[in-house]
Amino acid sequence: MSDYVRAASITNLRDESAIGVEIDDVPVCLVKTQGEIFAISDICSHADVNLSDGEVEDGTVECWLHGSRFDLRTGQPIALPANRPVPTYPVKIDGDDVLVSLKES
């Protein structure tokens, strides 16, 4: 059995943008940037707010509340005030479906 579940249609993702989805009650931020799709936790590690409401730029997503920025590949914070990473999740594309595994990358 596959660990991947359908999270969204690829048509729901615009370039340089993010959307929030829930997979098995886990909030996930899906991001399309530079031709790639990433999945990270949708909860900022500094403040309990959705990263999917933030700006996407240069392979990062910015928390809208305090400006923390996270690397989409690693989940590592690259701008304060966050100092803890957020989980990242593996992504596969199957036709028009974006599939995500909740096993951390």
Protein backbone atom coordinates (compact mmCIF):
# COMPACT_ATOMS: atom_id res chain seq x y z
CA MET A 1 0.00 0.00 0.00
CA SER A 2 1.30 3.44 -0.91
CA ASP A 3 2.02 6.06 1.73
CA TYR A 4 1.03 8.76 -0.77
CA VAL A 5 -2.43 10.31 -0.77
CA ARG A 6 -4.04 12.77 -3.13
CA ALA A 7 -3.68 16.28 -1.73
CA ALA A 8 -4.88 18.46 -4.62
CA SER A 9 -5.15 18.83 -8.35
CA ILE A 10 -2.11 20.36 -9.98
CA THR A 11 -4.49 22.88 -11.57
CA ASN A 12 -5.19 24.31 -8.10
CA LEU A 13 -1.58 25.49 -7.79
CA ARG A 14 -0.43 28.71 -9.45
CA ASP A 15 3.23 29.57 -9.93
CA GLU A 16 4.84 31.24 -6.92
CA SER A 17 1.87 30.53 -4.68
CA ALA A 18 0.77 28.28 -1.84
CA ILE A 19 -2.44 26.57 -0.77
CA GLY A 20 -3.34 24.89 2.49
CA VAL A 21 -4.79 21.38 2.60
CA GLU A 22 -5.44 18.81 5.31
CA ILE A 23 -4.26 15.23 5.02
CA ASP A 24 -5.45 12.93 7.81
CA ASP A 25 -5.99 16.00 10.04
CA VAL A 26 -2.44 17.25 9.36
CA PRO A 27 -2.26 20.79 7.92
CA VAL A 28 -0.02 20.81 4.83
CA CYS A 29 1.17 23.77 2.77
CA LEU A 30 1.51 22.94 -0.94
CA VAL A 31 3.74 25.33 -2.86
CA LYS A 32 4.49 25.68 -6.55
CA THR A 33 7.67 27.59 -7.29
CA GLN A 34 10.28 27.52 -10.02
CA GLY A 35 8.44 24.68 -11.77
CA GLU A 36 8.46 22.38 -8.72
CA ILE A 37 5.86 21.46 -6.12
CA PHE A 38 6.73 21.17 -2.43
CA ALA A 39 4.84 20.11 0.69
CA ILE A 40 5.69 21.40 4.15
CA SER A 41 3.85 21.79 7.42
CA ASP A 42 1.27 24.55 7.15
CA ILE A 43 2.01 25.69 10.71
CA CYS A 44 4.84 28.15 11.38
CA SER A 45 7.23 26.89 14.05
CA HIS A 46 7.37 30.34 15.64
CA ALA A 47 3.67 31.24 15.74
CA ASP A 48 0.65 29.03 15.28
CA VAL A 49 -0.37 30.50 11.89
CA ASN A 50 -0.75 29.09 8.40
CA LEU A 51 2.29 29.35 6.14
CA SER A 52 0.02 28.91 3.12
CA ASP A 53 -1.18 32.48 3.70
CA GLY A 54 2.37 33.80 3.21
CA GLU A 55 4.43 34.90 0.24
CA VAL A 56 6.41 32.46 -1.93
CA GLU A 57 9.77 33.60 -3.29
CA ASP A 58 13.03 31.99 -4.42
CA GLY A 59 12.29 28.51 -3.06
CA THR A 60 10.98 29.80 0.28
CA VAL A 61 7.68 30.62 1.96
CA GLU A 62 7.34 33.53 4.36
CA CYS A 63 5.13 33.53 7.44
CA TRP A 64 2.75 36.46 7.05
CA LEU A 65 2.64 37.26 10.77
CA HIS A 66 6.27 37.89 11.77
CA GLY A 67 8.23 37.40 8.53
CA SER A 68 9.96 34.11 9.29
CA ARG A 69 11.03 32.46 6.04
CA PHE A 70 11.41 28.70 5.49
CA ASP A 71 13.36 26.77 2.85
CA LEU A 72 10.88 24.60 0.95
CA ARG A 73 13.37 21.76 0.40
CA THR A 74 14.56 21.41 3.99
CA GLY A 75 11.99 23.19 6.17
CA GLN A 76 14.85 25.09 7.81
CA PRO A 77 14.16 28.65 8.91
CA ILE A 78 16.28 31.17 7.00
CA ALA A 79 14.87 34.32 8.58
CA LEU A 80 14.09 35.11 12.20
CA PRO A 81 12.18 35.05 14.45
CA ALA A 82 11.63 31.31 13.76
CA ASN A 83 14.55 29.17 14.88
CA ARG A 84 13.04 25.66 14.52
CA PRO A 85 12.43 23.88 11.20
CA VAL A 86 9.03 22.75 9.98
CA PRO A 87 8.44 19.23 8.61
CA THR A 88 8.73 18.68 4.86
CA TYR A 89 6.91 15.90 3.03
CA PRO A 90 7.67 13.94 -0.15
CA VAL A 91 5.59 14.85 -3.22
CA LYS A 92 4.75 12.86 -6.37
CA ILE A 93 2.77 13.94 -9.40
CA ASP A 94 0.41 11.40 -10.98
CA GLY A 95 -1.30 12.90 -14.02
CA ASP A 96 -3.09 15.98 -12.63
CA ASP A 97 -2.93 14.78 -9.02
CA VAL A 98 -0.49 16.04 -6.41
CA LEU A 99 0.27 13.17 -4.03
CA VAL A 100 1.86 13.69 -0.62
CA SER A 101 3.29 11.26 1.91
CA LEU A 102 3.11 12.35 5.54
CA LYS A 103 6.39 10.57 6.21
CA GLU A 104 8.84 13.43 6.68
CA SER A 105 11.54 13.90 4.05
